[in-house]
Amino acid sequence: MLRARISAALVGFAGVILGIAVTAVLHGEQPARPAASQRRVIQPEKSPNTGLPYSPGILAGNALYISGHLGRDPVTTNLARGGIEAETRQSLANIREVLTAAGMDFKNVTSVTAYLTNFDDFAKFNAVYREYFPKDPPARATVQVAALNIGARVELQMIAVRP
């Protein structure tokens, strides 16, 4: 008798769960999503304005998605002179402006994608990169590409997360 009651209770409970699931599917309920107001364009004052259709950064919740940045001077939009080292420093300076505008810094960066046009520049690039990430650097992928916009040698893209 007790076994029959337990079985009936379990079947009833399973029916309730199944009913809730079917109702949710039929009514098209979706998991909660962040409100559109949680997506904010980050456009620092000291950022190269190239007129191209992209935002320097997008803050969505606690995550900051930083567009690829060349080593462009923020005033002239020309590439920094001095080779891969100068371009890398300028790219990182521009990214610092995006991070700062979002209330973050390099310590918040969790992922970096580095695009280089020549792997012969890899050691020089890394020497500058280490200045900005001396300890516990973020995850990183570095790839060689055939070319970058305006003849740049390096482009950096990052993701940062606020704790």
N, C-alpha and C. Protein backbone atom coordinates (compact mmCIF):
# COMPACT_ATOMS: atom_id res chain seq x y z
N MET A 1 0.81 -1.19 0.00
CA MET A 1 0.00 0.00 0.00
C MET A 1 0.87 1.27 0.00
N LEU A 2 1.88 1.29 0.87
CA LEU A 2 2.77 2.44 0.94
C LEU A 2 3.51 2.63 -0.38
N ARG A 3 3.89 1.50 -0.97
CA ARG A 3 4.60 1.54 -2.25
C ARG A 3 3.71 2.17 -3.33
N ALA A 4 2.45 1.86 -3.34
CA ALA A 4 1.50 2.39 -4.32
C ALA A 4 1.34 3.90 -4.13
N ARG A 5 1.30 4.35 -2.90
CA ARG A 5 1.16 5.79 -2.63
C ARG A 5 2.40 6.55 -3.09
N ILE A 6 3.58 6.00 -2.82
CA ILE A 6 4.83 6.65 -3.24
C ILE A 6 4.89 6.71 -4.75
N SER A 7 4.51 5.62 -5.41
CA SER A 7 4.51 5.59 -6.88
C SER A 7 3.54 6.63 -7.43
N ALA A 8 2.36 6.70 -6.84
CA ALA A 8 1.36 7.67 -7.30
C ALA A 8 1.86 9.10 -7.08
N ALA A 9 2.52 9.35 -5.96
CA ALA A 9 3.05 10.69 -5.68
C ALA A 9 4.14 11.07 -6.68
N LEU A 10 5.01 10.10 -6.98
CA LEU A 10 6.08 10.36 -7.95
C LEU A 10 5.52 10.62 -9.34
N VAL A 11 4.54 9.85 -9.75
CA VAL A 11 3.91 10.05 -11.06
C VAL A 11 3.23 11.42 -11.09
N GLY A 12 2.56 11.79 -10.03
CA GLY A 12 1.91 13.10 -9.96
C GLY A 12 2.92 14.24 -10.03
N PHE A 13 4.02 14.10 -9.31
CA PHE A 13 5.07 15.13 -9.32
C PHE A 13 5.68 15.25 -10.71
N ALA A 14 5.94 14.12 -11.35
CA ALA A 14 6.49 14.14 -12.72
C ALA A 14 5.51 14.80 -13.67
N GLY A 15 4.24 14.54 -13.48
CA GLY A 15 3.21 15.17 -14.32
C GLY A 15 3.20 16.69 -14.17
N VAL A 16 3.35 17.17 -12.94
CA VAL A 16 3.38 18.61 -12.69
C VAL A 16 4.60 19.24 -13.40
N ILE A 17 5.76 18.62 -13.25
CA ILE A 17 6.99 19.12 -13.89
C ILE A 17 6.82 19.13 -15.40
N LEU A 18 6.30 18.05 -15.94
CA LEU A 18 6.08 17.96 -17.38
C LEU A 18 5.08 19.03 -17.84
N GLY A 19 4.06 19.25 -17.07
CA GLY A 19 3.06 20.27 -17.41
C GLY A 19 3.67 21.66 -17.43
N ILE A 20 4.52 21.96 -16.48
CA ILE A 20 5.20 23.27 -16.44
C ILE A 20 6.09 23.44 -17.67
N ALA A 21 6.84 22.39 -18.00
CA ALA A 21 7.75 22.45 -19.15
C ALA A 21 6.96 22.65 -20.44
N VAL A 22 5.89 21.90 -20.63
CA VAL A 22 5.08 22.02 -21.84
C VAL A 22 4.45 23.41 -21.92
N THR A 23 3.94 23.91 -20.82
CA THR A 23 3.34 25.25 -20.80
C THR A 23 4.36 26.30 -21.20
N ALA A 24 5.56 26.20 -20.67
CA ALA A 24 6.61 27.17 -21.01
C ALA A 24 6.93 27.12 -22.49
N VAL A 25 6.99 25.92 -23.06
CA VAL A 25 7.29 25.78 -24.49
C VAL A 25 6.15 26.35 -25.33
N LEU A 26 4.94 26.00 -24.98
CA LEU A 26 3.78 26.47 -25.75
C LEU A 26 3.60 27.98 -25.68
N HIS A 27 3.95 28.58 -24.59
CA HIS A 27 3.81 30.03 -24.43
C HIS A 27 5.04 30.78 -24.92
N GLY A 28 6.04 30.04 -25.37
CA GLY A 28 7.23 30.67 -25.95
C GLY A 28 8.07 31.45 -24.97
N GLU A 29 8.03 31.07 -23.71
CA GLU A 29 8.82 31.79 -22.73
C GLU A 29 10.30 31.49 -22.95
N GLN A 30 11.09 32.52 -22.88
CA GLN A 30 12.53 32.41 -23.07
C GLN A 30 13.22 32.71 -21.74
N PRO A 31 14.44 32.20 -21.58
CA PRO A 31 15.19 32.56 -20.38
C PRO A 31 15.40 34.07 -20.33
N ALA A 32 15.52 34.58 -19.14
CA ALA A 32 15.72 36.02 -18.97
C ALA A 32 16.97 36.47 -19.70
N ARG A 33 16.89 37.60 -20.41
CA ARG A 33 18.02 38.17 -21.12
C ARG A 33 18.31 39.55 -20.56
N PRO A 34 19.58 39.97 -20.69
CA PRO A 34 19.88 41.31 -20.21
C PRO A 34 19.08 42.36 -20.97
N ALA A 35 18.63 43.36 -20.30
CA ALA A 35 17.88 44.45 -20.93
C ALA A 35 18.79 45.19 -21.89
N ALA A 36 18.18 45.79 -22.92
CA ALA A 36 18.95 46.54 -23.92
C ALA A 36 19.75 47.66 -23.25
N SER A 37 19.25 48.16 -22.13
CA SER A 37 19.95 49.24 -21.44
C SER A 37 21.27 48.76 -20.84
N GLN A 38 21.47 47.44 -20.74
CA GLN A 38 22.71 46.91 -20.21
C GLN A 38 23.80 46.85 -21.27
N ARG A 39 23.48 47.18 -22.52
CA ARG A 39 24.45 47.24 -23.61
C ARG A 39 24.76 48.71 -23.86
N ARG A 40 26.02 49.06 -23.65
CA ARG A 40 26.39 50.47 -23.76
C ARG A 40 27.63 50.62 -24.64
N VAL A 41 27.58 51.55 -25.58
CA VAL A 41 28.72 51.85 -26.43
C VAL A 41 29.74 52.64 -25.62
N ILE A 42 31.00 52.23 -25.70
CA ILE A 42 32.10 52.93 -25.03
C ILE A 42 32.89 53.67 -26.10
N GLN A 43 32.82 54.99 -26.06
CA GLN A 43 33.49 55.84 -27.04
C GLN A 43 34.31 56.88 -26.28
N PRO A 44 35.58 56.56 -25.98
CA PRO A 44 36.40 57.51 -25.22
C PRO A 44 36.67 58.79 -26.01
N GLU A 45 36.89 59.87 -25.29
CA GLU A 45 37.21 61.16 -25.94
C GLU A 45 38.52 61.06 -26.71
N LYS A 46 39.52 60.40 -26.13
CA LYS A 46 40.83 60.27 -26.77
C LYS A 46 40.90 58.96 -27.55
N SER A 47 40.10 58.88 -28.59
CA SER A 47 40.07 57.68 -29.41
C SER A 47 40.15 58.10 -30.87
N PRO A 48 40.94 57.40 -31.68
CA PRO A 48 41.00 57.76 -33.10
C PRO A 48 39.63 57.66 -33.75
N ASN A 49 39.17 58.72 -34.37
CA ASN A 49 37.88 58.71 -35.06
C ASN A 49 38.14 58.47 -36.54
N THR A 50 38.00 57.24 -36.98
CA THR A 50 38.29 56.88 -38.36
C THR A 50 37.09 57.01 -39.27
N GLY A 51 35.91 57.21 -38.69
CA GLY A 51 34.70 57.28 -39.49
C GLY A 51 34.18 55.92 -39.92
N LEU A 52 34.82 54.86 -39.47
CA LEU A 52 34.39 53.51 -39.84
C LEU A 52 33.23 53.06 -38.94
N PRO A 53 32.39 52.16 -39.44
CA PRO A 53 31.20 51.75 -38.69
C PRO A 53 31.48 50.69 -37.62
N TYR A 54 32.09 51.11 -36.53
CA TYR A 54 32.29 50.21 -35.38
C TYR A 54 32.42 51.06 -34.13
N SER A 55 32.23 50.43 -33.00
CA SER A 55 32.40 51.09 -31.70
C SER A 55 33.72 50.61 -31.10
N PRO A 56 34.47 51.50 -30.45
CA PRO A 56 35.71 51.08 -29.80
C PRO A 56 35.49 50.00 -28.75
N GLY A 57 34.36 50.06 -28.08
CA GLY A 57 34.04 49.06 -27.08
C GLY A 57 32.54 48.97 -26.86
N ILE A 58 32.10 47.80 -26.44
CA ILE A 58 30.70 47.58 -26.06
C ILE A 58 30.71 46.95 -24.68
N LEU A 59 30.05 47.62 -23.74
CA LEU A 59 29.91 47.09 -22.39
C LEU A 59 28.55 46.42 -22.30
N ALA A 60 28.55 45.13 -22.04
CA ALA A 60 27.32 44.35 -21.89
C ALA A 60 27.37 43.67 -20.53
N GLY A 61 26.59 44.19 -19.60
CA GLY A 61 26.68 43.67 -18.23
C GLY A 61 28.05 44.00 -17.67
N ASN A 62 28.76 42.99 -17.21
CA ASN A 62 30.11 43.20 -16.65
C ASN A 62 31.21 42.92 -17.66
N ALA A 63 30.84 42.60 -18.90
CA ALA A 63 31.84 42.27 -19.92
C ALA A 63 32.02 43.43 -20.89
N LEU A 64 33.28 43.73 -21.17
CA LEU A 64 33.62 44.78 -22.13
C LEU A 64 34.27 44.12 -23.33
N TYR A 65 33.66 44.30 -24.49
CA TYR A 65 34.19 43.76 -25.74
C TYR A 65 34.88 44.91 -26.48
N ILE A 66 36.19 44.79 -26.64
CA ILE A 66 36.98 45.87 -27.22
C ILE A 66 37.30 45.51 -28.66
N SER A 67 36.92 46.40 -29.57
CA SER A 67 37.19 46.20 -30.99
C SER A 67 38.68 46.12 -31.25
N GLY A 68 39.03 45.61 -32.42
CA GLY A 68 40.43 45.59 -32.82
C GLY A 68 40.96 47.00 -32.94
N HIS A 69 42.11 47.26 -32.34
CA HIS A 69 42.72 48.59 -32.37
C HIS A 69 44.09 48.51 -33.03
N LEU A 70 44.27 49.37 -34.01
CA LEU A 70 45.58 49.56 -34.62
C LEU A 70 46.34 50.57 -33.78
N GLY A 71 47.59 50.77 -34.09
CA GLY A 71 48.39 51.76 -33.37
C GLY A 71 48.22 53.15 -33.96
N ARG A 72 46.99 53.64 -34.04
CA ARG A 72 46.68 54.95 -34.62
C ARG A 72 46.81 56.05 -33.58
N ASP A 73 47.41 57.14 -33.98
CA ASP A 73 47.45 58.34 -33.15
C ASP A 73 46.01 58.83 -33.01
N PRO A 74 45.55 59.14 -31.78
CA PRO A 74 44.15 59.54 -31.60
C PRO A 74 43.82 60.89 -32.23
N VAL A 75 44.82 61.73 -32.48
CA VAL A 75 44.56 63.06 -33.07
C VAL A 75 44.59 63.00 -34.59
N THR A 76 45.65 62.42 -35.15
CA THR A 76 45.82 62.41 -36.61
C THR A 76 45.22 61.18 -37.27
N THR A 77 44.98 60.13 -36.54
CA THR A 77 44.55 58.81 -36.99
C THR A 77 45.60 58.09 -37.84
N ASN A 78 46.79 58.67 -37.96
CA ASN A 78 47.89 58.01 -38.66
C ASN A 78 48.52 56.97 -37.73
N LEU A 79 49.18 55.98 -38.32
CA LEU A 79 49.88 55.00 -37.52
C LEU A 79 51.05 55.65 -36.79
N ALA A 80 51.29 55.18 -35.57
CA ALA A 80 52.45 55.64 -34.81
C ALA A 80 53.71 55.25 -35.58
N ARG A 81 54.67 56.14 -35.62
CA ARG A 81 55.93 55.87 -36.32
C ARG A 81 56.90 55.20 -35.36
N GLY A 82 57.70 54.28 -35.91
CA GLY A 82 58.70 53.62 -35.09
C GLY A 82 58.60 52.11 -35.10
N GLY A 83 57.82 51.56 -36.04
CA GLY A 83 57.77 50.12 -36.16
C GLY A 83 56.77 49.45 -35.24
N ILE A 84 56.96 48.15 -35.09
CA ILE A 84 56.03 47.33 -34.33
C ILE A 84 55.93 47.77 -32.87
N GLU A 85 57.04 48.18 -32.28
CA GLU A 85 57.00 48.60 -30.87
C GLU A 85 56.11 49.83 -30.69
N ALA A 86 56.29 50.84 -31.54
CA ALA A 86 55.50 52.07 -31.42
C ALA A 86 54.03 51.80 -31.69
N GLU A 87 53.74 50.98 -32.70
CA GLU A 87 52.35 50.66 -33.00
C GLU A 87 51.70 49.88 -31.86
N THR A 88 52.44 48.95 -31.28
CA THR A 88 51.90 48.16 -30.17
C THR A 88 51.61 49.06 -28.97
N ARG A 89 52.53 49.95 -28.63
CA ARG A 89 52.31 50.88 -27.51
C ARG A 89 51.10 51.76 -27.76
N GLN A 90 50.96 52.27 -29.00
CA GLN A 90 49.83 53.15 -29.30
C GLN A 90 48.51 52.38 -29.27
N SER A 91 48.52 51.16 -29.80
CA SER A 91 47.32 50.33 -29.75
C SER A 91 46.90 50.10 -28.29
N LEU A 92 47.87 49.77 -27.45
CA LEU A 92 47.58 49.54 -26.03
C LEU A 92 47.15 50.83 -25.33
N ALA A 93 47.71 51.96 -25.70
CA ALA A 93 47.28 53.25 -25.13
C ALA A 93 45.82 53.53 -25.52
N ASN A 94 45.47 53.27 -26.77
CA ASN A 94 44.09 53.48 -27.21
C ASN A 94 43.13 52.54 -26.48
N ILE A 95 43.56 51.31 -26.29
CA ILE A 95 42.72 50.35 -25.56
C ILE A 95 42.59 50.75 -24.10
N ARG A 96 43.66 51.29 -23.51
CA ARG A 96 43.57 51.77 -22.13
C ARG A 96 42.47 52.84 -22.00
N GLU A 97 42.34 53.69 -23.00
CA GLU A 97 41.29 54.72 -22.98
C GLU A 97 39.90 54.08 -22.96
N VAL A 98 39.71 53.03 -23.73
CA VAL A 98 38.42 52.32 -23.75
C VAL A 98 38.17 51.68 -22.38
N LEU A 99 39.18 51.01 -21.86
CA LEU A 99 39.05 50.38 -20.54
C LEU A 99 38.70 51.41 -19.47
N THR A 100 39.42 52.53 -19.47
CA THR A 100 39.20 53.59 -18.48
C THR A 100 37.79 54.16 -18.59
N ALA A 101 37.33 54.38 -19.82
CA ALA A 101 35.98 54.92 -20.03
C ALA A 101 34.91 53.96 -19.51
N ALA A 102 35.24 52.68 -19.43
CA ALA A 102 34.30 51.68 -18.91
C ALA A 102 34.54 51.38 -17.43
N GLY A 103 35.48 52.13 -16.79
CA GLY A 103 35.76 51.90 -15.37
C GLY A 103 36.64 50.69 -15.12
N MET A 104 37.47 50.35 -16.09
CA MET A 104 38.34 49.17 -15.96
C MET A 104 39.78 49.53 -16.29
N ASP A 105 40.65 48.53 -16.20
CA ASP A 105 42.06 48.69 -16.56
C ASP A 105 42.55 47.34 -17.09
N PHE A 106 43.83 47.26 -17.42
CA PHE A 106 44.37 46.04 -18.00
C PHE A 106 44.23 44.84 -17.07
N LYS A 107 44.13 45.05 -15.78
CA LYS A 107 43.96 43.92 -14.85
C LYS A 107 42.63 43.21 -15.07
N ASN A 108 41.66 43.88 -15.73
CA ASN A 108 40.36 43.28 -16.01
C ASN A 108 40.32 42.50 -17.32
N VAL A 109 41.38 42.59 -18.12
CA VAL A 109 41.40 41.92 -19.42
C VAL A 109 41.55 40.41 -19.21
N THR A 110 40.65 39.66 -19.84
CA THR A 110 40.66 38.21 -19.70
C THR A 110 41.12 37.49 -20.97
N SER A 111 40.97 38.15 -22.11
CA SER A 111 41.30 37.51 -23.38
C SER A 111 41.81 38.55 -24.38
N VAL A 112 42.85 38.18 -25.13
CA VAL A 112 43.44 39.05 -26.14
C VAL A 112 43.61 38.25 -27.43
N THR A 113 43.28 38.88 -28.54
CA THR A 113 43.63 38.33 -29.84
C THR A 113 44.56 39.35 -30.49
N ALA A 114 45.75 38.89 -30.85
CA ALA A 114 46.76 39.75 -31.48
C ALA A 114 46.94 39.31 -32.92
N TYR A 115 46.86 40.27 -33.82
CA TYR A 115 47.07 40.02 -35.24
C TYR A 115 48.37 40.72 -35.64
N LEU A 116 49.32 39.94 -36.15
CA LEU A 116 50.60 40.49 -36.61
C LEU A 116 50.73 40.20 -38.10
N THR A 117 51.34 41.13 -38.83
CA THR A 117 51.55 40.90 -40.26
C THR A 117 52.84 40.16 -40.54
N ASN A 118 53.71 40.05 -39.52
CA ASN A 118 54.98 39.38 -39.73
C ASN A 118 55.47 38.78 -38.41
N PHE A 119 55.60 37.47 -38.36
CA PHE A 119 56.04 36.84 -37.12
C PHE A 119 57.50 37.12 -36.79
N ASP A 120 58.23 37.73 -37.71
CA ASP A 120 59.57 38.19 -37.37
C ASP A 120 59.51 39.29 -36.30
N ASP A 121 58.34 39.95 -36.17
CA ASP A 121 58.13 41.00 -35.16
C ASP A 121 57.65 40.46 -33.82
N PHE A 122 57.47 39.14 -33.71
CA PHE A 122 56.87 38.54 -32.53
C PHE A 122 57.62 38.88 -31.25
N ALA A 123 58.94 38.78 -31.24
CA ALA A 123 59.72 39.06 -30.03
C ALA A 123 59.59 40.53 -29.63
N LYS A 124 59.64 41.43 -30.59
CA LYS A 124 59.51 42.87 -30.30
C LYS A 124 58.12 43.18 -29.77
N PHE A 125 57.12 42.57 -30.39
CA PHE A 125 55.74 42.74 -29.92
C PHE A 125 55.61 42.27 -28.47
N ASN A 126 56.13 41.08 -28.17
CA ASN A 126 56.03 40.53 -26.82
C ASN A 126 56.75 41.37 -25.78
N ALA A 127 57.86 41.98 -26.16
CA ALA A 127 58.59 42.83 -25.21
C ALA A 127 57.72 43.99 -24.75
N VAL A 128 57.01 44.62 -25.68
CA VAL A 128 56.10 45.73 -25.31
C VAL A 128 54.89 45.19 -24.57
N TYR A 129 54.31 44.11 -25.05
CA TYR A 129 53.12 43.51 -24.44
C TYR A 129 53.36 43.19 -22.97
N ARG A 130 54.56 42.66 -22.66
CA ARG A 130 54.90 42.31 -21.26
C ARG A 130 54.89 43.54 -20.35
N GLU A 131 55.16 44.71 -20.87
CA GLU A 131 55.12 45.93 -20.06
C GLU A 131 53.71 46.19 -19.53
N TYR A 132 52.70 45.81 -20.28
CA TYR A 132 51.31 46.06 -19.91
C TYR A 132 50.69 44.90 -19.13
N PHE A 133 51.25 43.70 -19.32
CA PHE A 133 50.77 42.50 -18.63
C PHE A 133 51.97 41.79 -18.00
N PRO A 134 52.60 42.40 -16.98
CA PRO A 134 53.82 41.81 -16.41
C PRO A 134 53.57 40.55 -15.58
N LYS A 135 52.36 40.43 -15.02
CA LYS A 135 52.06 39.32 -14.13
C LYS A 135 50.65 38.81 -14.44
N ASP A 136 50.50 37.51 -14.42
CA ASP A 136 49.20 36.87 -14.67
C ASP A 136 48.53 37.42 -15.94
N PRO A 137 49.20 37.30 -17.09
CA PRO A 137 48.62 37.84 -18.32
C PRO A 137 47.34 37.11 -18.71
N PRO A 138 46.51 37.78 -19.51
CA PRO A 138 45.25 37.15 -19.94
C PRO A 138 45.51 36.04 -20.96
N ALA A 139 44.49 35.26 -21.22
CA ALA A 139 44.55 34.27 -22.29
C ALA A 139 44.79 35.03 -23.59
N ARG A 140 45.53 34.40 -24.52
CA ARG A 140 45.85 35.14 -25.75
C ARG A 140 46.01 34.18 -26.93
N ALA A 141 45.55 34.65 -28.07
CA ALA A 141 45.84 33.99 -29.35
C ALA A 141 46.57 35.01 -30.20
N THR A 142 47.64 34.59 -30.84
CA THR A 142 48.39 35.47 -31.73
C THR A 142 48.44 34.79 -33.09
N VAL A 143 48.01 35.52 -34.11
CA VAL A 143 48.00 34.95 -35.45
C VAL A 143 48.68 35.90 -36.43
N GLN A 144 49.28 35.33 -37.44
CA GLN A 144 49.85 36.14 -38.51
C GLN A 144 48.79 36.28 -39.59
N VAL A 145 48.63 37.51 -40.09
CA VAL A 145 47.66 37.78 -41.14
C VAL A 145 48.38 38.34 -42.36
N ALA A 146 47.74 38.26 -43.50
CA ALA A 146 48.35 38.73 -44.74
C ALA A 146 48.51 40.24 -44.74
N ALA A 147 47.54 40.95 -44.19
CA ALA A 147 47.59 42.42 -44.18
C ALA A 147 46.60 42.96 -43.16
N LEU A 148 46.86 44.20 -42.73
CA LEU A 148 45.94 44.92 -41.85
C LEU A 148 45.64 46.27 -42.50
N ASN A 149 44.55 46.88 -42.08
CA ASN A 149 44.14 48.18 -42.59
C ASN A 149 45.28 49.20 -42.50
N ILE A 150 45.38 50.05 -43.45
CA ILE A 150 46.35 51.14 -43.61
C ILE A 150 47.81 50.71 -43.44
N GLY A 151 48.10 49.44 -43.67
CA GLY A 151 49.47 48.97 -43.59
C GLY A 151 49.99 48.75 -42.19
N ALA A 152 49.09 48.63 -41.23
CA ALA A 152 49.49 48.42 -39.83
C ALA A 152 50.22 47.09 -39.68
N ARG A 153 51.05 47.01 -38.65
CA ARG A 153 51.79 45.79 -38.36
C ARG A 153 51.13 44.95 -37.27
N VAL A 154 50.27 45.60 -36.46
CA VAL A 154 49.64 44.91 -35.34
C VAL A 154 48.22 45.46 -35.12
N GLU A 155 47.34 44.56 -34.72
CA GLU A 155 45.98 44.93 -34.29
C GLU A 155 45.67 44.09 -33.07
N LEU A 156 45.10 44.72 -32.04
CA LEU A 156 44.78 44.03 -30.79
C LEU A 156 43.28 44.15 -30.51
N GLN A 157 42.70 43.02 -30.13
CA GLN A 157 41.29 42.94 -29.75
C GLN A 157 41.24 42.29 -28.38
N MET A 158 40.37 42.78 -27.50
CA MET A 158 40.34 42.26 -26.12
C MET A 158 38.94 42.12 -25.57
N ILE A 159 38.85 41.31 -24.53
CA ILE A 159 37.66 41.20 -23.71
C ILE A 159 38.09 41.43 -22.27
N ALA A 160 37.36 42.27 -21.57
CA ALA A 160 37.63 42.54 -20.16
C ALA A 160 36.36 42.28 -19.37
N VAL A 161 36.52 41.87 -18.11
CA VAL A 161 35.37 41.56 -17.26
C VAL A 161 35.56 42.21 -15.91
N ARG A 162 34.51 42.89 -15.47
CA ARG A 162 34.49 43.48 -14.13
C ARG A 162 34.10 42.40 -13.13
N PRO A 163 34.82 42.31 -12.02
CA PRO A 163 34.47 41.28 -11.02
C PRO A 163 33.12 41.56 -10.37
